[in-house]
C-alpha atoms as a PDB file:
ATOM      1  CA  MET A   1      21.146  -7.897  19.047  1.00  0.00           C
ATOM      2  CA  GLY A   2      20.602 -10.353  21.872  1.00  0.00           C
ATOM      3  CA  PHE A   3      19.967 -13.230  19.345  1.00  0.00           C
ATOM      4  CA  SER A   4      23.138 -12.536  17.722  1.00  0.00           C
ATOM      5  CA  ALA A   5      25.122 -12.220  20.914  1.00  0.00           C
ATOM      6  CA  ASN A   6      23.857 -15.613  22.079  1.00  0.00           C
ATOM      7  CA  SER A   7      24.769 -17.350  18.767  1.00  0.00           C
ATOM      8  CA  PHE A   8      28.340 -16.027  18.656  1.00  0.00           C
ATOM      9  CA  ALA A   9      28.718 -16.752  22.382  1.00  0.00           C
ATOM     10  CA  LEU A  10      27.703 -20.355  21.939  1.00  0.00           C
ATOM     11  CA  LEU A  11      30.178 -20.789  18.901  1.00  0.00           C
ATOM     12  CA  LEU A  12      32.960 -19.307  21.030  1.00  0.00           C
ATOM     13  CA  ALA A  13      32.319 -21.691  23.866  1.00  0.00           C
ATOM     14  CA  GLY A  14      32.311 -24.776  21.508  1.00  0.00           C
ATOM     15  CA  GLY A  15      35.375 -23.544  19.636  1.00  0.00           C
ATOM     16  CA  ALA A  16      37.170 -23.035  22.871  1.00  0.00           C
ATOM     17  CA  LEU A  17      36.138 -26.443  24.198  1.00  0.00           C
ATOM     18  CA  LEU A  18      37.329 -28.091  20.870  1.00  0.00           C
ATOM     19  CA  SER A  19      40.600 -26.190  21.152  1.00  0.00           C
ATOM     20  CA  LEU A  20      41.010 -27.413  24.794  1.00  0.00           C
ATOM     21  CA  GLY A  21      40.582 -30.828  23.803  1.00  0.00           C
ATOM     22  CA  SER A  22      43.118 -30.571  21.076  1.00  0.00           C
ATOM     23  CA  VAL A  23      45.642 -29.173  23.286  1.00  0.00           C
ATOM     24  CA  LEU A  24      45.142 -31.654  26.235  1.00  0.00           C
ATOM     25  CA  ARG A  25      44.924 -34.482  23.469  1.00  0.00           C
ATOM     26  CA  ARG A  26      41.540 -35.503  24.898  1.00  0.00           C
ATOM     27  CA  ARG A  27      38.106 -35.530  23.501  1.00  0.00           C
ATOM     28  CA  VAL A  28      35.469 -33.262  24.856  1.00  0.00           C
ATOM     29  CA  PRO A  29      32.618 -34.020  22.353  1.00  0.00           C
ATOM     30  CA  ASP A  30      29.673 -33.669  24.544  1.00  0.00           C
ATOM     31  CA  ALA A  31      30.300 -30.263  25.917  1.00  0.00           C
ATOM     32  CA  ALA A  32      31.686 -28.977  22.575  1.00  0.00           C
ATOM     33  CA  TRP A  33      28.707 -30.404  20.504  1.00  0.00           C
ATOM     34  CA  PHE A  34      26.259 -28.973  22.974  1.00  0.00           C
ATOM     35  CA  ALA A  35      27.640 -25.603  22.392  1.00  0.00           C
ATOM     36  CA  LEU A  36      28.673 -25.779  18.680  1.00  0.00           C
ATOM     37  CA  VAL A  37      25.250 -27.139  17.268  1.00  0.00           C
ATOM     38  CA  PRO A  38      22.870 -24.526  18.763  1.00  0.00           C
ATOM     39  CA  GLY A  39      25.497 -21.982  18.039  1.00  0.00           C
ATOM     40  CA  TYR A  40      25.826 -22.837  14.376  1.00  0.00           C
ATOM     41  CA  GLY A  41      21.962 -23.291  14.371  1.00  0.00           C
ATOM     42  CA  LEU A  42      21.284 -19.884  15.601  1.00  0.00           C
ATOM     43  CA  ILE A  43      24.034 -18.413  13.296  1.00  0.00           C
ATOM     44  CA  ALA A  44      22.385 -19.850  10.266  1.00  0.00           C
ATOM     45  CA  LEU A  45      18.893 -18.637  11.287  1.00  0.00           C
ATOM     46  CA  LEU A  46      20.434 -15.075  11.636  1.00  0.00           C
ATOM     47  CA  ALA A  47      21.849 -15.062   8.271  1.00  0.00           C
ATOM     48  CA  PHE A  48      18.618 -16.635   6.927  1.00  0.00           C
ATOM     49  CA  ALA A  49      16.403 -13.794   8.499  1.00  0.00           C
ATOM     50  CA  HIS A  50      18.704 -11.239   6.996  1.00  0.00           C
ATOM     51  CA  LEU A  51      18.601 -12.929   3.535  1.00  0.00           C
ATOM     52  CA  THR A  52      14.884 -13.275   3.458  1.00  0.00           C
ATOM     53  CA  GLY A  53      14.098  -9.737   4.780  1.00  0.00           C
ATOM     54  CA  ARG A  54      12.763 -10.523   8.119  1.00  0.00           C
ATOM     55  CA  PHE A  55      14.337  -7.623   9.743  1.00  0.00           C
ATOM     56  CA  GLY A  56      13.074  -5.000   7.320  1.00  0.00           C
ATOM     57  CA  ALA A  57      14.406  -3.537   4.102  1.00  0.00           C
ATOM     58  CA  ASP A  58      17.202  -1.797   6.004  1.00  0.00           C
ATOM     59  CA  GLU A  59      18.494  -5.090   7.279  1.00  0.00           C
ATOM     60  CA  LEU A  60      18.675  -7.033   4.020  1.00  0.00           C
ATOM     61  CA  TRP A  61      21.770  -8.912   3.529  1.00  0.00           C
ATOM     62  CA  PHE A  62      23.742  -6.487   1.549  1.00  0.00           C
ATOM     63  CA  ARG A  63      23.087  -3.714   4.222  1.00  0.00           C
ATOM     64  CA  ALA A  64      23.827  -5.893   7.194  1.00  0.00           C
ATOM     65  CA  PRO A  65      27.392  -6.231   8.515  1.00  0.00           C
ATOM     66  CA  VAL A  66      26.193  -9.091  10.825  1.00  0.00           C
ATOM     67  CA  PHE A  67      25.143 -11.049   7.990  1.00  0.00           C
ATOM     68  CA  TRP A  68      28.702 -10.902   6.364  1.00  0.00           C
ATOM     69  CA  LEU A  69      30.084 -11.969   9.745  1.00  0.00           C
ATOM     70  CA  ALA A  70      27.471 -14.906  10.230  1.00  0.00           C
ATOM     71  CA  ALA A  71      28.184 -15.974   6.592  1.00  0.00           C
ATOM     72  CA  ALA A  72      31.992 -16.063   7.254  1.00  0.00           C
ATOM     73  CA  ILE A  73      31.517 -18.141  10.418  1.00  0.00           C
ATOM     74  CA  LEU A  74      29.124 -20.621   8.536  1.00  0.00           C
ATOM     75  CA  LEU A  75      31.761 -20.872   5.767  1.00  0.00           C
ATOM     76  CA  GLY A  76      34.463 -21.318   8.079  1.00  0.00           C
ATOM     77  CA  GLY A  77      32.580 -24.088   9.883  1.00  0.00           C
ATOM     78  CA  LEU A  78      31.828 -25.824   6.751  1.00  0.00           C
ATOM     79  CA  GLY A  79      35.347 -25.902   5.774  1.00  0.00           C
ATOM     80  CA  TRP A  80      36.068 -27.440   9.128  1.00  0.00           C
ATOM     81  CA  TRP A  81      33.404 -29.965   8.809  1.00  0.00           C
ATOM     82  CA  VAL A  82      34.465 -31.406   5.444  1.00  0.00           C
ATOM     83  CA  THR A  83      38.130 -31.835   6.483  1.00  0.00           C
ATOM     84  CA  ARG A  84      37.548 -33.606   9.936  1.00  0.00           C
ATOM     85  CA  PRO A  85      37.560 -37.492   9.952  1.00  0.00           C
ATOM     86  CA  ALA A  86      34.212 -38.790   9.159  1.00  0.00           C
ATOM     87  CA  THR A  87      32.637 -41.078   6.609  1.00  0.00           C
ATOM     88  CA  ARG A  88      31.620 -39.592   3.145  1.00  0.00           C
ATOM     89  CA  PHE A  89      27.981 -39.683   3.979  1.00  0.00           C
ATOM     90  CA  VAL A  90      28.332 -37.571   7.219  1.00  0.00           C
ATOM     91  CA  ARG A  91      30.839 -35.244   5.804  1.00  0.00           C
ATOM     92  CA  PHE A  92      29.067 -34.361   2.570  1.00  0.00           C
ATOM     93  CA  GLY A  93      25.662 -35.691   3.156  1.00  0.00           C
ATOM     94  CA  MET A  94      24.819 -33.646   6.243  1.00  0.00           C
ATOM     95  CA  PRO A  95      25.745 -30.255   4.646  1.00  0.00           C
ATOM     96  CA  ALA A  96      23.798 -31.148   1.564  1.00  0.00           C
ATOM     97  CA  LEU A  97      20.767 -31.880   3.550  1.00  0.00           C
ATOM     98  CA  ALA A  98      21.235 -28.677   5.329  1.00  0.00           C
ATOM     99  CA  ALA A  99      21.232 -26.929   1.974  1.00  0.00           C
ATOM    100  CA  VAL A 100      18.017 -28.674   0.827  1.00  0.00           C
ATOM    101  CA  VAL A 101      16.310 -27.830   3.985  1.00  0.00           C
ATOM    102  CA  ALA A 102      17.293 -24.132   3.786  1.00  0.00           C
ATOM    103  CA  THR A 103      16.250 -23.995   0.150  1.00  0.00           C
ATOM    104  CA  ALA A 104      12.847 -25.592   0.956  1.00  0.00           C
ATOM    105  CA  ALA A 105      12.406 -23.149   3.690  1.00  0.00           C
ATOM    106  CA  LEU A 106      13.259 -20.092   1.521  1.00  0.00           C
ATOM    107  CA  ILE A 107      10.654 -21.329  -1.047  1.00  0.00           C
ATOM    108  CA  GLY A 108       8.094 -21.909   1.514  1.00  0.00           C
ATOM    109  CA  LEU A 109       8.377 -18.527   2.881  1.00  0.00           C
ATOM    110  CA  ARG A 110       8.248 -16.939  -0.606  1.00  0.00           C
ATOM    111  CA  LEU A 111       5.093 -18.880  -1.589  1.00  0.00           C
ATOM    112  CA  GLN A 112       3.512 -17.839   1.775  1.00  0.00           C
ATOM    113  CA  GLY A 113       4.273 -14.168   1.153  1.00  0.00           C
ATOM    114  CA  SER A 114       6.147 -13.653   4.250  1.00  0.00           C
ATOM    115  CA  SER A 115       9.783 -13.099   3.093  1.00  0.00           C
ATOM    116  CA  ALA A 116      11.252 -10.497   0.914  1.00  0.00           C
ATOM    117  CA  PRO A 117      10.831 -11.294  -2.880  1.00  0.00           C
ATOM    118  CA  LEU A 118      13.709 -13.456  -4.254  1.00  0.00           C
ATOM    119  CA  THR A 119      14.783 -10.604  -6.734  1.00  0.00           C
ATOM    120  CA  MET A 120      15.407  -8.432  -3.657  1.00  0.00           C
ATOM    121  CA  LEU A 121      18.422 -10.654  -2.863  1.00  0.00           C
ATOM    122  CA  MET A 122      20.182  -8.678  -5.218  1.00  0.00           C
ATOM    123  CA  PRO A 123      21.224  -5.032  -4.587  1.00  0.00           C
ATOM    124  CA  THR A 124      20.042  -2.469  -7.165  1.00  0.00           C
ATOM    125  CA  MET A 125      23.042  -0.131  -6.346  1.00  0.00           C
ATOM    126  CA  GLY A 126      20.851   2.845  -6.920  1.00  0.00           C
ATOM    127  CA  LYS A 127      20.915   2.752 -10.668  1.00  0.00           C
ATOM    128  CA  PRO A 128      19.066   5.461 -12.502  1.00  0.00           C
ATOM    129  CA  ALA A 129      15.761   4.389 -13.782  1.00  0.00           C
ATOM    130  CA  PRO A 130      15.967   4.564 -17.578  1.00  0.00           C
ATOM    131  CA  ASP A 131      13.210   6.827 -18.921  1.00  0.00           C
ATOM    132  CA  LEU A 132      10.200   5.123 -20.806  1.00  0.00           C
ATOM    133  CA  THR A 133       7.205   6.262 -22.763  1.00  0.00           C
ATOM    134  CA  PHE A 134       3.664   5.043 -22.055  1.00  0.00           C
ATOM    135  CA  TYR A 135       0.021   5.935 -23.020  1.00  0.00           C
ATOM    136  CA  ASP A 136      -2.337   6.676 -20.118  1.00  0.00           C
ATOM    137  CA  GLU A 137      -6.099   5.819 -20.135  1.00  0.00           C
ATOM    138  CA  SER A 138      -6.911   8.872 -22.261  1.00  0.00           C
ATOM    139  CA  GLY A 139      -4.559   7.880 -24.950  1.00  0.00           C
ATOM    140  CA  SER A 140      -2.194  10.687 -24.215  1.00  0.00           C
ATOM    141  CA  GLN A 141       1.642   9.832 -24.498  1.00  0.00           C
ATOM    142  CA  ARG A 142       3.373  10.366 -21.097  1.00  0.00           C
ATOM    143  CA  ARG A 143       7.112   9.715 -19.892  1.00  0.00           C
ATOM    144  CA  LEU A 144       8.369   8.335 -16.539  1.00  0.00           C
ATOM    145  CA  SER A 145      10.418  11.473 -16.161  1.00  0.00           C
ATOM    146  CA  GLU A 146       7.501  13.594 -15.792  1.00  0.00           C
ATOM    147  CA  LEU A 147       7.137  12.047 -12.345  1.00  0.00           C
ATOM    148  CA  ARG A 148      10.442  13.097 -11.123  1.00  0.00           C
ATOM    149  CA  GLY A 149      10.084  14.368  -7.611  1.00  0.00           C
ATOM    150  CA  LYS A 150       7.571  11.766  -6.531  1.00  0.00           C
ATOM    151  CA  VAL A 151       8.366   8.085  -5.427  1.00  0.00           C
ATOM    152  CA  VAL A 152       7.165   5.857  -8.191  1.00  0.00           C
ATOM    153  CA  LEU A 153       6.205   2.225  -7.835  1.00  0.00           C
ATOM    154  CA  ILE A 154       6.430   0.856 -11.418  1.00  0.00           C
ATOM    155  CA  ASN A 155       4.366  -2.387 -11.775  1.00  0.00           C
ATOM    156  CA  PHE A 156       4.594  -4.437 -15.025  1.00  0.00           C
ATOM    157  CA  TRP A 157       1.497  -6.681 -15.273  1.00  0.00           C
ATOM    158  CA  ALA A 158      -0.736  -8.419 -17.689  1.00  0.00           C
ATOM    159  CA  THR A 159      -4.605  -9.133 -17.632  1.00  0.00           C
ATOM    160  CA  TRP A 160      -4.172 -12.957 -17.844  1.00  0.00           C
ATOM    161  CA  CYS A 161      -1.642 -12.979 -14.960  1.00  0.00           C
ATOM    162  CA  ALA A 162      -3.264 -14.348 -11.958  1.00  0.00           C
ATOM    163  CA  PRO A 163      -0.470 -13.181  -9.481  1.00  0.00           C
ATOM    164  CA  CYS A 164      -0.632  -9.687 -10.957  1.00  0.00           C
ATOM    165  CA  ARG A 165      -4.527  -9.642 -10.101  1.00  0.00           C
ATOM    166  CA  LYS A 166      -3.578 -10.810  -6.538  1.00  0.00           C
ATOM    167  CA  GLU A 167      -1.043  -8.112  -6.075  1.00  0.00           C
ATOM    168  CA  MET A 168      -3.029  -5.235  -7.288  1.00  0.00           C
ATOM    169  CA  PRO A 169      -5.437  -4.591  -4.263  1.00  0.00           C
ATOM    170  CA  LEU A 170      -2.328  -4.272  -2.319  1.00  0.00           C
ATOM    171  CA  LEU A 171      -0.699  -1.863  -4.670  1.00  0.00           C
ATOM    172  CA  SER A 172      -3.863  -0.035  -4.967  1.00  0.00           C
ATOM    173  CA  ARG A 173      -4.043   0.317  -1.043  1.00  0.00           C
ATOM    174  CA  MET A 174      -0.427   1.457  -0.995  1.00  0.00           C
ATOM    175  CA  GLN A 175      -1.352   4.323  -3.376  1.00  0.00           C
ATOM    176  CA  ARG A 176      -4.451   5.314  -1.239  1.00  0.00           C
ATOM    177  CA  GLU A 177      -2.476   5.408   1.939  1.00  0.00           C
ATOM    178  CA  HIS A 178       0.732   7.287   0.729  1.00  0.00           C
ATOM    179  CA  GLU A 179      -0.435   9.464  -2.227  1.00  0.00           C
ATOM    180  CA  GLY A 180      -0.473  12.547   0.087  1.00  0.00           C
ATOM    181  CA  ALA A 181       3.151  11.963   0.823  1.00  0.00           C
ATOM    182  CA  GLY A 182       4.158  11.787  -2.718  1.00  0.00           C
ATOM    183  CA  LEU A 183       3.750   8.140  -4.047  1.00  0.00           C
ATOM    184  CA  VAL A 184       2.688   7.238  -7.522  1.00  0.00           C
ATOM    185  CA  VAL A 185       1.887   3.509  -8.420  1.00  0.00           C
ATOM    186  CA  LEU A 186       2.410   3.281 -12.169  1.00  0.00           C
ATOM    187  CA  TYR A 187       0.780   0.225 -13.779  1.00  0.00           C
ATOM    188  CA  LEU A 188       2.187  -0.712 -17.055  1.00  0.00           C
ATOM    189  CA  SER A 189       0.880  -3.326 -19.630  1.00  0.00           C
ATOM    190  CA  LEU A 190       2.250  -4.338 -23.021  1.00  0.00           C
ATOM    191  CA  GLU A 191      -1.160  -5.773 -24.228  1.00  0.00           C
ATOM    192  CA  GLU A 192      -3.432  -4.274 -26.839  1.00  0.00           C
ATOM    193  CA  PRO A 193      -5.641  -1.392 -26.094  1.00  0.00           C
ATOM    194  CA  ALA A 194      -8.991  -3.318 -26.342  1.00  0.00           C
ATOM    195  CA  VAL A 195      -7.603  -6.071 -23.994  1.00  0.00           C
ATOM    196  CA  LEU A 196      -6.892  -3.470 -21.390  1.00  0.00           C
ATOM    197  CA  GLU A 197     -10.045  -1.345 -21.695  1.00  0.00           C
ATOM    198  CA  ALA A 198     -12.145  -4.453 -21.440  1.00  0.00           C
ATOM    199  CA  PHE A 199     -10.306  -5.471 -18.152  1.00  0.00           C
ATOM    200  CA  LEU A 200     -10.232  -1.964 -16.821  1.00  0.00           C
ATOM    201  CA  ALA A 201     -13.816  -1.473 -17.332  1.00  0.00           C
ATOM    202  CA  LYS A 202     -14.534  -4.364 -14.795  1.00  0.00           C
ATOM    203  CA  ASN A 203     -11.654  -3.815 -12.476  1.00  0.00           C
ATOM    204  CA  ASP A 204     -10.707  -0.496 -10.702  1.00  0.00           C
ATOM    205  CA  PHE A 205      -7.517   0.147  -8.784  1.00  0.00           C
ATOM    206  CA  ASP A 206      -5.893   3.322  -7.658  1.00  0.00           C
ATOM    207  CA  GLY A 207      -2.775   4.762  -9.278  1.00  0.00           C
ATOM    208  CA  VAL A 208      -1.717   5.700 -12.851  1.00  0.00           C
ATOM    209  CA  ARG A 209      -2.625   2.910 -15.537  1.00  0.00           C
ATOM    210  CA  GLY A 210      -0.984   2.945 -18.689  1.00  0.00           C
ATOM    211  CA  ARG A 211       0.000   0.955 -21.902  1.00  0.00           C
ATOM    212  CA  LEU A 212       3.556   0.277 -23.138  1.00  0.00           C
ATOM    213  CA  GLY A 213       4.566  -0.317 -26.681  1.00  0.00           C
ATOM    214  CA  GLU A 214       8.098  -1.204 -25.442  1.00  0.00           C
ATOM    215  CA  ALA A 215      10.349  -0.733 -22.536  1.00  0.00           C
ATOM    216  CA  PRO A 216      14.228  -0.366 -22.121  1.00  0.00           C
ATOM    217  CA  PRO A 217      15.756  -3.795 -21.848  1.00  0.00           C
ATOM    218  CA  PHE A 218      17.013  -2.765 -18.502  1.00  0.00           C
ATOM    219  CA  TYR A 219      13.513  -3.491 -16.953  1.00  0.00           C
ATOM    220  CA  GLY A 220      12.920  -6.884 -18.475  1.00  0.00           C
ATOM    221  CA  ALA A 221       9.332  -6.117 -18.982  1.00  0.00           C
ATOM    222  CA  GLY A 222       7.286  -8.874 -20.582  1.00  0.00           C
ATOM    223  CA  LYS A 223       9.862 -11.624 -19.619  1.00  0.00           C
ATOM    224  CA  PHE A 224       7.758 -12.674 -16.390  1.00  0.00           C
ATOM    225  CA  TYR A 225       4.915 -11.037 -14.282  1.00  0.00           C
ATOM    226  CA  PRO A 226       4.395  -9.339 -12.185  1.00  0.00           C
ATOM    227  CA  LEU A 227       7.649  -7.267 -11.929  1.00  0.00           C
ATOM    228  CA  SER A 228       7.904  -4.182  -9.884  1.00  0.00           C
ATOM    229  CA  TYR A 229      10.419  -1.376  -9.254  1.00  0.00           C
ATOM    230  CA  LEU A 230      10.432   1.444  -6.741  1.00  0.00           C
ATOM    231  CA  VAL A 231      12.070   4.616  -7.993  1.00  0.00           C
ATOM    232  CA  SER A 232      13.206   7.241  -5.538  1.00  0.00           C
ATOM    233  CA  ARG A 233      12.362  11.064  -5.962  1.00  0.00           C
ATOM    234  CA  ASP A 234      15.597  11.616  -7.742  1.00  0.00           C
ATOM    235  CA  GLY A 235      15.028   8.854 -10.373  1.00  0.00           C
ATOM    236  CA  ARG A 236      17.118   5.923  -9.003  1.00  0.00           C
ATOM    237  CA  ILE A 237      16.116   2.391  -8.579  1.00  0.00           C
ATOM    238  CA  GLU A 238      15.865   1.580  -4.915  1.00  0.00           C
ATOM    239  CA  ASN A 239      14.052  -1.643  -4.823  1.00  0.00           C
ATOM    240  CA  ARG A 240      12.886  -4.320  -7.129  1.00  0.00           C
ATOM    241  CA  TRP A 241      10.602  -7.481  -6.932  1.00  0.00           C
ATOM    242  CA  SER A 242       8.751  -9.999  -8.532  1.00  0.00           C
ATOM    243  CA  GLY A 243       5.364 -11.380  -7.205  1.00  0.00           C
ATOM    244  CA  ARG A 244       3.012 -10.259  -4.502  1.00  0.00           C
ATOM    245  CA  PRO A 245       5.178  -8.891  -1.438  1.00  0.00           C
ATOM    246  CA  ASP A 246       4.563  -9.014   2.245  1.00  0.00           C
ATOM    247  CA  GLU A 247       2.433  -5.964   3.007  1.00  0.00           C
ATOM    248  CA  ARG A 248       4.457  -4.924   5.918  1.00  0.00           C
ATOM    249  CA  TRP A 249       7.653  -5.284   3.905  1.00  0.00           C
ATOM    250  CA  LEU A 250       6.181  -3.118   0.992  1.00  0.00           C
ATOM    251  CA  ASP A 251       4.946  -0.475   3.359  1.00  0.00           C
ATOM    252  CA  ASP A 252       8.367  -0.307   5.121  1.00  0.00           C
ATOM    253  CA  VAL A 253      10.251   0.266   1.884  1.00  0.00           C
ATOM    254  CA  ILE A 254       7.843   2.697   0.540  1.00  0.00           C
ATOM    255  CA  ARG A 255       7.971   4.619   3.718  1.00  0.00           C
ATOM    256  CA  ARG A 256      11.717   4.795   3.791  1.00  0.00           C
ATOM    257  CA  GLU A 257      11.744   6.446   0.271  1.00  0.00           C
ATOM    258  CA  LEU A 258       9.024   8.872   1.210  1.00  0.00           C
END
């Protein structure tokens, strides 16, 4: 809250000084810029933090009113900037440079694993999870709907996928820590039984391991790996992501559903 208040206070001070200069027909560049530049910088950091999940799953951008206020201020500032007298490079080059830096920072945080996965930038709107059929390790046919009443983490993976293998120990640990509260991690692969059996004979991880013949198009299974969905107890998609998430972020979203 203090971070947001300071950001908005700096912007208000800078805006007031600019307005005063306009009324008096005098320029007050130093005082105005010393307030506006840090203010916009803090506002941008605030919006970026919500966008990348730094404040937790409950404060992702589509759940945070502060993000929308910050975004409106930034867009308003951008509109003001591109209409003020300046050279073409200053008017358009600086916003472009800021966009490049923000994009690079977002990619860097994602690769480091300290931000919310990129697919979490879009809300799921609590859509019902389409039922799917899979075969467990004993060869028995099972359905996702059998797990209704549990919180189910569906993980689509492949044996040749290095990011999948990197993610599995984390998912396995989540299964052990939250199994008693009602979590089921469901690992699903589209590969042939012989390939899966050879891999699972050498690699052990907690949860339900199964094989898919196919999955409903909704899930996009097989298009890229790893791909995960968190399904609530009443069968709705609450979260989705691709790649190994930050451990604290994942624990947070699981606990929220449990």
